[in-house]
């Protein structure tokens, strides 16, 4: 039995320790064209542009020389909420209180206007449609600002903080999302991040390798509203913590102690 102790410790150490190659972000992986430091990396040419969907929240604001008439098309208190945004709590979904929620049929309801269907449109197309609807009541041109109320996304799996999140930006990278969720657990499969993305009329699952520097030129480098990020655990999670050599040795000693205890019991029975 004692002769098994050293080989078992060696086996546990080899199989349990996690290589830095599985942990470090943005490596030049073997087989890929290396991307050197200070090298310019152009963004991916993405054909798809996000279209508004039911249950999205959009921020709509108007500007005109006729401020009194504008008040007829605003919810009472909306301006006060917008004014207080700068001092608001970062965890508070401020657009929920001042924005316009797209209903299940794709419409938003602006006071004193007929419901306007904007689901299925880009932000620019939706802005033009709202501007056309409200411009009917003004002699002078009305300026309309319409945008997504922040980027909402969800994290699941091996993040330090899972659940719905929001970034108050027009554009955010996948590393912005990871930093908000808390850097991924060391036992996560960073080479197998599943990005679940909604498209007009359906959903796709994309697999991303956070270890790969080529990600910076990927069409999935920037997240989009309603993205879901899911990180799976490594197989080592099944047998306990082996995040470093000390943890692996402690795990090995525990296993050997249990084996010796069982050996002592069974030997006394025969």
C-alpha atoms as a PDB file:
ATOM      1  CA  UNK A   1       0.000   0.000   0.000  1.00  0.00           C
ATOM      2  CA  UNK A   2       2.773   2.453   0.899  1.00  0.00           C
ATOM      3  CA  UNK A   3       4.391   1.906  -2.481  1.00  0.00           C
ATOM      4  CA  UNK A   4       1.278   3.368  -4.096  1.00  0.00           C
ATOM      5  CA  UNK A   5       1.510   6.692  -2.248  1.00  0.00           C
ATOM      6  CA  UNK A   6       4.165   8.394  -4.395  1.00  0.00           C
ATOM      7  CA  UNK A   7       2.738   7.303  -7.788  1.00  0.00           C
ATOM      8  CA  UNK A   8      -0.738   8.435  -6.734  1.00  0.00           C
ATOM      9  CA  UNK A   9       0.593  11.854  -5.691  1.00  0.00           C
ATOM     10  CA  UNK A  10       2.391  12.235  -9.007  1.00  0.00           C
ATOM     11  CA  UNK A  11      -0.734  11.233 -10.933  1.00  0.00           C
ATOM     12  CA  UNK A  12      -2.930  13.657  -8.983  1.00  0.00           C
ATOM     13  CA  UNK A  13      -0.470  16.512  -9.515  1.00  0.00           C
ATOM     14  CA  UNK A  14      -0.213  15.930 -13.260  1.00  0.00           C
ATOM     15  CA  UNK A  15      -3.910  15.484 -13.916  1.00  0.00           C
ATOM     16  CA  UNK A  16      -5.186  18.135 -11.498  1.00  0.00           C
ATOM     17  CA  UNK A  17      -2.924  21.139 -12.057  1.00  0.00           C
ATOM     18  CA  UNK A  18      -4.339  23.637 -14.528  1.00  0.00           C
ATOM     19  CA  UNK A  19      -1.930  24.940 -17.132  1.00  0.00           C
ATOM     20  CA  UNK A  20      -1.672  28.689 -17.697  1.00  0.00           C
ATOM     21  CA  UNK A  21      -2.475  27.993 -21.344  1.00  0.00           C
ATOM     22  CA  UNK A  22      -6.006  27.196 -20.244  1.00  0.00           C
ATOM     23  CA  UNK A  23      -6.280  30.312 -18.073  1.00  0.00           C
ATOM     24  CA  UNK A  24      -4.577  33.244 -19.798  1.00  0.00           C
ATOM     25  CA  UNK A  25      -6.583  35.478 -22.094  1.00  0.00           C
ATOM     26  CA  UNK A  26      -5.588  36.521 -25.615  1.00  0.00           C
ATOM     27  CA  UNK A  27      -2.721  34.168 -26.394  1.00  0.00           C
ATOM     28  CA  UNK A  28      -1.147  33.550 -29.785  1.00  0.00           C
ATOM     29  CA  UNK A  29      -2.367  29.986 -30.131  1.00  0.00           C
ATOM     30  CA  UNK A  30      -0.450  27.414 -32.122  1.00  0.00           C
ATOM     31  CA  UNK A  31      -1.586  27.204 -35.729  1.00  0.00           C
ATOM     32  CA  UNK A  32      -2.855  30.801 -35.858  1.00  0.00           C
ATOM     33  CA  UNK A  33      -1.147  33.744 -37.505  1.00  0.00           C
ATOM     34  CA  UNK A  34       0.579  35.523 -34.572  1.00  0.00           C
ATOM     35  CA  UNK A  35      -0.633  38.971 -33.594  1.00  0.00           C
ATOM     36  CA  UNK A  36       2.301  40.904 -32.177  1.00  0.00           C
ATOM     37  CA  UNK A  37       2.197  43.603 -29.508  1.00  0.00           C
ATOM     38  CA  UNK A  38       1.400  47.092 -30.871  1.00  0.00           C
ATOM     39  CA  UNK A  39       0.106  45.530 -34.078  1.00  0.00           C
ATOM     40  CA  UNK A  40      -3.047  47.206 -35.415  1.00  0.00           C
ATOM     41  CA  UNK A  41      -6.051  44.853 -35.348  1.00  0.00           C
ATOM     42  CA  UNK A  42      -9.001  46.034 -37.462  1.00  0.00           C
ATOM     43  CA  UNK A  43     -12.488  45.276 -36.200  1.00  0.00           C
ATOM     44  CA  UNK A  44     -14.407  42.509 -37.929  1.00  0.00           C
ATOM     45  CA  UNK A  45     -16.666  43.570 -40.774  1.00  0.00           C
ATOM     46  CA  UNK A  46     -20.058  42.599 -39.342  1.00  0.00           C
ATOM     47  CA  UNK A  47     -23.015  42.596 -41.727  1.00  0.00           C
ATOM     48  CA  UNK A  48     -25.628  42.089 -39.026  1.00  0.00           C
ATOM     49  CA  UNK A  49     -27.030  45.188 -37.295  1.00  0.00           C
ATOM     50  CA  UNK A  50     -29.077  44.796 -34.156  1.00  0.00           C
ATOM     51  CA  UNK A  51     -32.824  45.169 -34.673  1.00  0.00           C
ATOM     52  CA  UNK A  52     -35.206  46.128 -31.917  1.00  0.00           C
ATOM     53  CA  UNK A  53     -37.250  43.329 -30.386  1.00  0.00           C
ATOM     54  CA  UNK A  54     -40.337  43.029 -28.182  1.00  0.00           C
ATOM     55  CA  UNK A  55     -39.582  43.788 -24.513  1.00  0.00           C
ATOM     56  CA  UNK A  56     -36.542  45.914 -25.381  1.00  0.00           C
ATOM     57  CA  UNK A  57     -36.423  49.298 -23.670  1.00  0.00           C
ATOM     58  CA  UNK A  58     -35.563  52.334 -25.780  1.00  0.00           C
ATOM     59  CA  UNK A  59     -34.749  55.855 -24.691  1.00  0.00           C
ATOM     60  CA  UNK A  60     -36.620  58.453 -26.773  1.00  0.00           C
ATOM     61  CA  UNK A  61     -36.022  62.183 -26.394  1.00  0.00           C
ATOM     62  CA  UNK A  62     -37.187  65.192 -28.420  1.00  0.00           C
ATOM     63  CA  UNK A  63     -35.824  68.655 -29.136  1.00  0.00           C
ATOM     64  CA  UNK A  64     -37.721  71.566 -30.685  1.00  0.00           C
ATOM     65  CA  UNK A  65     -38.022  75.354 -30.453  1.00  0.00           C
ATOM     66  CA  UNK A  66     -41.600  74.813 -29.256  1.00  0.00           C
ATOM     67  CA  UNK A  67     -40.861  73.383 -25.814  1.00  0.00           C
ATOM     68  CA  UNK A  68     -44.407  73.829 -24.562  1.00  0.00           C
ATOM     69  CA  UNK A  69     -45.789  71.595 -27.315  1.00  0.00           C
ATOM     70  CA  UNK A  70     -43.090  69.008 -26.645  1.00  0.00           C
ATOM     71  CA  UNK A  71     -44.388  68.510 -23.115  1.00  0.00           C
ATOM     72  CA  UNK A  72     -47.571  67.019 -24.582  1.00  0.00           C
ATOM     73  CA  UNK A  73     -45.523  64.083 -25.919  1.00  0.00           C
ATOM     74  CA  UNK A  74     -43.582  63.271 -22.778  1.00  0.00           C
ATOM     75  CA  UNK A  75     -44.530  61.274 -19.727  1.00  0.00           C
ATOM     76  CA  UNK A  76     -44.662  63.355 -16.599  1.00  0.00           C
ATOM     77  CA  UNK A  77     -41.451  62.986 -14.610  1.00  0.00           C
ATOM     78  CA  UNK A  78     -39.405  61.525 -17.476  1.00  0.00           C
ATOM     79  CA  UNK A  79     -37.178  64.592 -17.705  1.00  0.00           C
ATOM     80  CA  UNK A  80     -36.577  64.527 -13.967  1.00  0.00           C
ATOM     81  CA  UNK A  81     -35.384  60.927 -14.197  1.00  0.00           C
ATOM     82  CA  UNK A  82     -33.069  61.775 -17.110  1.00  0.00           C
ATOM     83  CA  UNK A  83     -31.638  64.725 -15.190  1.00  0.00           C
ATOM     84  CA  UNK A  84     -30.831  62.479 -12.231  1.00  0.00           C
ATOM     85  CA  UNK A  85     -29.060  59.814 -14.266  1.00  0.00           C
ATOM     86  CA  UNK A  86     -25.569  61.147 -13.684  1.00  0.00           C
ATOM     87  CA  UNK A  87     -25.907  60.726  -9.933  1.00  0.00           C
ATOM     88  CA  UNK A  88     -27.830  57.470 -10.086  1.00  0.00           C
ATOM     89  CA  UNK A  89     -26.806  54.112  -8.659  1.00  0.00           C
ATOM     90  CA  UNK A  90     -24.844  52.055 -11.206  1.00  0.00           C
ATOM     91  CA  UNK A  91     -26.929  48.988 -10.314  1.00  0.00           C
ATOM     92  CA  UNK A  92     -30.210  50.793 -11.007  1.00  0.00           C
ATOM     93  CA  UNK A  93     -31.870  50.239 -14.371  1.00  0.00           C
ATOM     94  CA  UNK A  94     -32.668  53.910 -14.904  1.00  0.00           C
ATOM     95  CA  UNK A  95     -33.946  53.396 -18.449  1.00  0.00           C
ATOM     96  CA  UNK A  96     -36.697  51.205 -17.030  1.00  0.00           C
ATOM     97  CA  UNK A  97     -38.223  54.336 -15.445  1.00  0.00           C
ATOM     98  CA  UNK A  98     -37.606  56.890 -18.196  1.00  0.00           C
ATOM     99  CA  UNK A  99     -37.558  54.747 -21.349  1.00  0.00           C
ATOM    100  CA  UNK A 100     -40.245  53.198 -23.532  1.00  0.00           C
ATOM    101  CA  UNK A 101     -40.815  49.455 -23.348  1.00  0.00           C
ATOM    102  CA  UNK A 102     -41.621  47.703 -26.617  1.00  0.00           C
ATOM    103  CA  UNK A 103     -44.700  45.555 -26.070  1.00  0.00           C
ATOM    104  CA  UNK A 104     -45.146  41.945 -27.171  1.00  0.00           C
ATOM    105  CA  UNK A 105     -46.542  43.096 -30.532  1.00  0.00           C
ATOM    106  CA  UNK A 106     -43.586  45.409 -31.184  1.00  0.00           C
ATOM    107  CA  UNK A 107     -45.182  48.789 -30.398  1.00  0.00           C
ATOM    108  CA  UNK A 108     -44.212  51.697 -28.146  1.00  0.00           C
ATOM    109  CA  UNK A 109     -46.769  54.140 -26.779  1.00  0.00           C
ATOM    110  CA  UNK A 110     -45.722  57.802 -26.814  1.00  0.00           C
ATOM    111  CA  UNK A 111     -48.263  60.155 -25.170  1.00  0.00           C
ATOM    112  CA  UNK A 112     -50.781  61.670 -27.605  1.00  0.00           C
ATOM    113  CA  UNK A 113     -49.493  59.609 -30.533  1.00  0.00           C
ATOM    114  CA  UNK A 114     -50.872  56.427 -32.025  1.00  0.00           C
ATOM    115  CA  UNK A 115     -48.852  53.312 -31.033  1.00  0.00           C
ATOM    116  CA  UNK A 116     -45.718  53.101 -33.193  1.00  0.00           C
ATOM    117  CA  UNK A 117     -44.364  49.730 -34.267  1.00  0.00           C
ATOM    118  CA  UNK A 118     -40.552  49.718 -34.085  1.00  0.00           C
ATOM    119  CA  UNK A 119     -39.741  46.045 -33.404  1.00  0.00           C
ATOM    120  CA  UNK A 120     -37.852  44.613 -36.362  1.00  0.00           C
ATOM    121  CA  UNK A 121     -36.249  47.987 -37.130  1.00  0.00           C
ATOM    122  CA  UNK A 122     -32.736  49.258 -36.467  1.00  0.00           C
ATOM    123  CA  UNK A 123     -32.261  52.207 -34.132  1.00  0.00           C
ATOM    124  CA  UNK A 124     -31.911  54.561 -37.120  1.00  0.00           C
ATOM    125  CA  UNK A 125     -35.054  53.244 -38.821  1.00  0.00           C
ATOM    126  CA  UNK A 126     -37.021  53.476 -35.571  1.00  0.00           C
ATOM    127  CA  UNK A 127     -35.829  57.030 -34.955  1.00  0.00           C
ATOM    128  CA  UNK A 128     -36.956  58.102 -38.433  1.00  0.00           C
ATOM    129  CA  UNK A 129     -40.366  56.489 -37.901  1.00  0.00           C
ATOM    130  CA  UNK A 130     -40.892  58.246 -34.557  1.00  0.00           C
ATOM    131  CA  UNK A 131     -39.681  61.549 -36.022  1.00  0.00           C
ATOM    132  CA  UNK A 132     -42.192  61.246 -38.860  1.00  0.00           C
ATOM    133  CA  UNK A 133     -45.051  60.553 -36.431  1.00  0.00           C
ATOM    134  CA  UNK A 134     -44.341  63.469 -34.096  1.00  0.00           C
ATOM    135  CA  UNK A 135     -43.250  65.873 -36.847  1.00  0.00           C
ATOM    136  CA  UNK A 136     -46.834  65.997 -38.108  1.00  0.00           C
ATOM    137  CA  UNK A 137     -47.763  68.251 -35.163  1.00  0.00           C
ATOM    138  CA  UNK A 138     -44.906  70.759 -35.484  1.00  0.00           C
ATOM    139  CA  UNK A 139     -44.309  73.563 -37.967  1.00  0.00           C
ATOM    140  CA  UNK A 140     -40.579  73.529 -37.278  1.00  0.00           C
ATOM    141  CA  UNK A 141     -38.402  70.419 -37.492  1.00  0.00           C
ATOM    142  CA  UNK A 142     -38.340  68.186 -34.453  1.00  0.00           C
ATOM    143  CA  UNK A 143     -35.122  66.392 -33.562  1.00  0.00           C
ATOM    144  CA  UNK A 144     -35.594  62.878 -32.189  1.00  0.00           C
ATOM    145  CA  UNK A 145     -33.008  60.845 -30.318  1.00  0.00           C
ATOM    146  CA  UNK A 146     -33.753  57.128 -30.016  1.00  0.00           C
ATOM    147  CA  UNK A 147     -31.389  54.485 -28.715  1.00  0.00           C
ATOM    148  CA  UNK A 148     -31.334  51.228 -26.799  1.00  0.00           C
ATOM    149  CA  UNK A 149     -31.527  51.859 -23.053  1.00  0.00           C
ATOM    150  CA  UNK A 150     -28.075  50.424 -22.355  1.00  0.00           C
ATOM    151  CA  UNK A 151     -26.809  46.956 -23.279  1.00  0.00           C
ATOM    152  CA  UNK A 152     -28.537  44.285 -21.247  1.00  0.00           C
ATOM    153  CA  UNK A 153     -26.941  40.827 -21.104  1.00  0.00           C
ATOM    154  CA  UNK A 154     -26.946  37.744 -18.874  1.00  0.00           C
ATOM    155  CA  UNK A 155     -24.093  35.637 -17.502  1.00  0.00           C
ATOM    156  CA  UNK A 156     -24.403  31.982 -16.463  1.00  0.00           C
ATOM    157  CA  UNK A 157     -22.017  29.283 -15.288  1.00  0.00           C
ATOM    158  CA  UNK A 158     -18.465  29.863 -14.063  1.00  0.00           C
ATOM    159  CA  UNK A 159     -18.588  33.624 -13.508  1.00  0.00           C
ATOM    160  CA  UNK A 160     -18.139  35.155 -10.073  1.00  0.00           C
ATOM    161  CA  UNK A 161     -21.449  36.953 -10.452  1.00  0.00           C
ATOM    162  CA  UNK A 162     -24.199  35.464 -12.607  1.00  0.00           C
ATOM    163  CA  UNK A 163     -27.521  36.909 -13.670  1.00  0.00           C
ATOM    164  CA  UNK A 164     -28.828  39.886 -15.687  1.00  0.00           C
ATOM    165  CA  UNK A 165     -26.417  42.795 -16.167  1.00  0.00           C
ATOM    166  CA  UNK A 166     -26.481  46.166 -17.908  1.00  0.00           C
ATOM    167  CA  UNK A 167     -23.768  48.368 -19.433  1.00  0.00           C
ATOM    168  CA  UNK A 168     -24.596  52.036 -19.977  1.00  0.00           C
ATOM    169  CA  UNK A 169     -22.781  52.225 -23.308  1.00  0.00           C
ATOM    170  CA  UNK A 170     -23.688  52.192 -26.966  1.00  0.00           C
ATOM    171  CA  UNK A 171     -20.945  49.655 -27.616  1.00  0.00           C
ATOM    172  CA  UNK A 172     -19.186  47.217 -25.291  1.00  0.00           C
ATOM    173  CA  UNK A 173     -16.691  44.391 -25.722  1.00  0.00           C
ATOM    174  CA  UNK A 174     -16.999  40.886 -24.377  1.00  0.00           C
ATOM    175  CA  UNK A 175     -14.287  41.770 -21.844  1.00  0.00           C
ATOM    176  CA  UNK A 176     -16.409  44.679 -20.602  1.00  0.00           C
ATOM    177  CA  UNK A 177     -19.136  42.119 -19.937  1.00  0.00           C
ATOM    178  CA  UNK A 178     -16.731  39.717 -18.213  1.00  0.00           C
ATOM    179  CA  UNK A 179     -15.341  42.439 -15.951  1.00  0.00           C
ATOM    180  CA  UNK A 180     -18.845  43.483 -14.879  1.00  0.00           C
ATOM    181  CA  UNK A 181     -19.801  39.861 -14.164  1.00  0.00           C
ATOM    182  CA  UNK A 182     -16.587  39.295 -12.211  1.00  0.00           C
ATOM    183  CA  UNK A 183     -13.685  37.601 -13.961  1.00  0.00           C
ATOM    184  CA  UNK A 184     -14.481  34.037 -14.885  1.00  0.00           C
ATOM    185  CA  UNK A 185     -13.666  31.285 -12.417  1.00  0.00           C
ATOM    186  CA  UNK A 186     -10.240  29.655 -12.840  1.00  0.00           C
ATOM    187  CA  UNK A 187     -12.014  26.320 -13.332  1.00  0.00           C
ATOM    188  CA  UNK A 188     -13.961  27.638 -16.325  1.00  0.00           C
ATOM    189  CA  UNK A 189     -13.422  26.439 -19.883  1.00  0.00           C
ATOM    190  CA  UNK A 190     -12.324  29.779 -21.276  1.00  0.00           C
ATOM    191  CA  UNK A 191     -11.821  28.181 -24.665  1.00  0.00           C
ATOM    192  CA  UNK A 192     -15.521  27.244 -24.772  1.00  0.00           C
ATOM    193  CA  UNK A 193     -17.550  30.311 -23.911  1.00  0.00           C
ATOM    194  CA  UNK A 194     -21.034  29.926 -25.369  1.00  0.00           C
ATOM    195  CA  UNK A 195     -22.546  33.176 -26.620  1.00  0.00           C
ATOM    196  CA  UNK A 196     -26.299  32.854 -27.146  1.00  0.00           C
ATOM    197  CA  UNK A 197     -27.385  35.702 -29.425  1.00  0.00           C
ATOM    198  CA  UNK A 198     -30.851  36.739 -30.556  1.00  0.00           C
ATOM    199  CA  UNK A 199     -31.438  37.573 -34.185  1.00  0.00           C
ATOM    200  CA  UNK A 200     -34.518  38.824 -35.945  1.00  0.00           C
ATOM    201  CA  UNK A 201     -36.892  35.863 -35.624  1.00  0.00           C
ATOM    202  CA  UNK A 202     -34.560  33.415 -33.848  1.00  0.00           C
ATOM    203  CA  UNK A 203     -31.459  32.560 -31.837  1.00  0.00           C
ATOM    204  CA  UNK A 204     -27.964  31.220 -32.536  1.00  0.00           C
ATOM    205  CA  UNK A 205     -25.304  29.715 -30.251  1.00  0.00           C
ATOM    206  CA  UNK A 206     -21.722  30.767 -30.980  1.00  0.00           C
ATOM    207  CA  UNK A 207     -18.612  29.291 -29.323  1.00  0.00           C
ATOM    208  CA  UNK A 208     -15.799  31.702 -28.384  1.00  0.00           C
ATOM    209  CA  UNK A 209     -12.227  31.033 -27.278  1.00  0.00           C
ATOM    210  CA  UNK A 210     -11.152  33.659 -24.742  1.00  0.00           C
ATOM    211  CA  UNK A 211      -7.612  32.260 -24.816  1.00  0.00           C
ATOM    212  CA  UNK A 212      -7.232  33.208 -28.480  1.00  0.00           C
ATOM    213  CA  UNK A 213      -5.864  36.636 -29.467  1.00  0.00           C
ATOM    214  CA  UNK A 214      -7.727  36.299 -32.757  1.00  0.00           C
ATOM    215  CA  UNK A 215     -10.883  37.068 -30.771  1.00  0.00           C
ATOM    216  CA  UNK A 216     -10.039  40.770 -31.115  1.00  0.00           C
ATOM    217  CA  UNK A 217     -10.782  40.496 -34.852  1.00  0.00           C
ATOM    218  CA  UNK A 218     -13.876  38.323 -34.335  1.00  0.00           C
ATOM    219  CA  UNK A 219     -17.448  39.458 -35.083  1.00  0.00           C
ATOM    220  CA  UNK A 220     -18.262  38.399 -31.496  1.00  0.00           C
ATOM    221  CA  UNK A 221     -15.726  40.740 -29.854  1.00  0.00           C
ATOM    222  CA  UNK A 222     -18.535  43.232 -29.227  1.00  0.00           C
ATOM    223  CA  UNK A 223     -21.588  42.069 -27.317  1.00  0.00           C
ATOM    224  CA  UNK A 224     -25.130  42.989 -28.275  1.00  0.00           C
ATOM    225  CA  UNK A 225     -28.324  43.560 -26.293  1.00  0.00           C
ATOM    226  CA  UNK A 226     -29.879  40.386 -24.868  1.00  0.00           C
ATOM    227  CA  UNK A 227     -26.700  38.295 -25.294  1.00  0.00           C
ATOM    228  CA  UNK A 228     -26.299  35.361 -22.888  1.00  0.00           C
ATOM    229  CA  UNK A 229     -22.749  34.319 -21.912  1.00  0.00           C
ATOM    230  CA  UNK A 230     -22.380  30.789 -20.554  1.00  0.00           C
ATOM    231  CA  UNK A 231     -19.109  29.298 -19.257  1.00  0.00           C
ATOM    232  CA  UNK A 232     -18.859  25.579 -18.577  1.00  0.00           C
ATOM    233  CA  UNK A 233     -16.684  24.150 -15.755  1.00  0.00           C
ATOM    234  CA  UNK A 234     -13.606  22.040 -16.428  1.00  0.00           C
ATOM    235  CA  UNK A 235     -13.845  18.307 -15.753  1.00  0.00           C
ATOM    236  CA  UNK A 236     -11.584  18.710 -12.708  1.00  0.00           C
ATOM    237  CA  UNK A 237     -14.537  20.257 -10.880  1.00  0.00           C
ATOM    238  CA  UNK A 238     -15.958  16.721 -10.648  1.00  0.00           C
ATOM    239  CA  UNK A 239     -13.174  15.566  -8.301  1.00  0.00           C
ATOM    240  CA  UNK A 240     -12.630  18.749  -6.340  1.00  0.00           C
ATOM    241  CA  UNK A 241     -10.372  21.784  -6.383  1.00  0.00           C
ATOM    242  CA  UNK A 242      -7.020  21.463  -8.167  1.00  0.00           C
ATOM    243  CA  UNK A 243      -6.345  25.067  -9.016  1.00  0.00           C
ATOM    244  CA  UNK A 244      -2.657  24.871  -8.056  1.00  0.00           C
ATOM    245  CA  UNK A 245       0.007  22.415  -6.896  1.00  0.00           C
ATOM    246  CA  UNK A 246      -0.824  22.893  -3.214  1.00  0.00           C
ATOM    247  CA  UNK A 247      -4.489  22.195  -3.827  1.00  0.00           C
ATOM    248  CA  UNK A 248      -3.629  19.132  -5.906  1.00  0.00           C
ATOM    249  CA  UNK A 249      -1.328  17.720  -3.204  1.00  0.00           C
ATOM    250  CA  UNK A 250      -3.958  18.308  -0.537  1.00  0.00           C
ATOM    251  CA  UNK A 251      -6.478  16.499  -2.711  1.00  0.00           C
ATOM    252  CA  UNK A 252      -4.022  13.654  -3.250  1.00  0.00           C
ATOM    253  CA  UNK A 253      -3.253  13.331   0.481  1.00  0.00           C
ATOM    254  CA  UNK A 254      -6.981  13.204   1.250  1.00  0.00           C
ATOM    255  CA  UNK A 255      -7.524  10.441  -1.314  1.00  0.00           C
ATOM    256  CA  UNK A 256      -4.557   8.420  -0.068  1.00  0.00           C
ATOM    257  CA  UNK A 257      -5.641   8.804   3.561  1.00  0.00           C
ATOM    258  CA  UNK A 258      -9.084   7.517   2.674  1.00  0.00           C
ATOM    259  CA  UNK A 259      -7.601   4.576   0.738  1.00  0.00           C
ATOM    260  CA  UNK A 260      -5.300   3.639   3.625  1.00  0.00           C
ATOM    261  CA  UNK A 261      -8.210   3.828   6.051  1.00  0.00           C
ATOM    262  CA  UNK A 262     -10.276   1.511   3.872  1.00  0.00           C
ATOM    263  CA  UNK A 263      -7.284  -0.799   3.447  1.00  0.00           C
ATOM    264  CA  UNK A 264      -6.823  -0.985   7.210  1.00  0.00           C
ATOM    265  CA  UNK A 265     -10.481  -1.827   7.759  1.00  0.00           C
ATOM    266  CA  UNK A 266     -10.628  -4.476   5.053  1.00  0.00           C
ATOM    267  CA  UNK A 267      -7.321  -6.041   6.172  1.00  0.00           C
ATOM    268  CA  UNK A 268      -8.658  -6.476   9.684  1.00  0.00           C
ATOM    269  CA  UNK A 269     -11.658  -8.344   8.336  1.00  0.00           C
ATOM    270  CA  UNK A 270      -9.651 -11.103   6.635  1.00  0.00           C
END
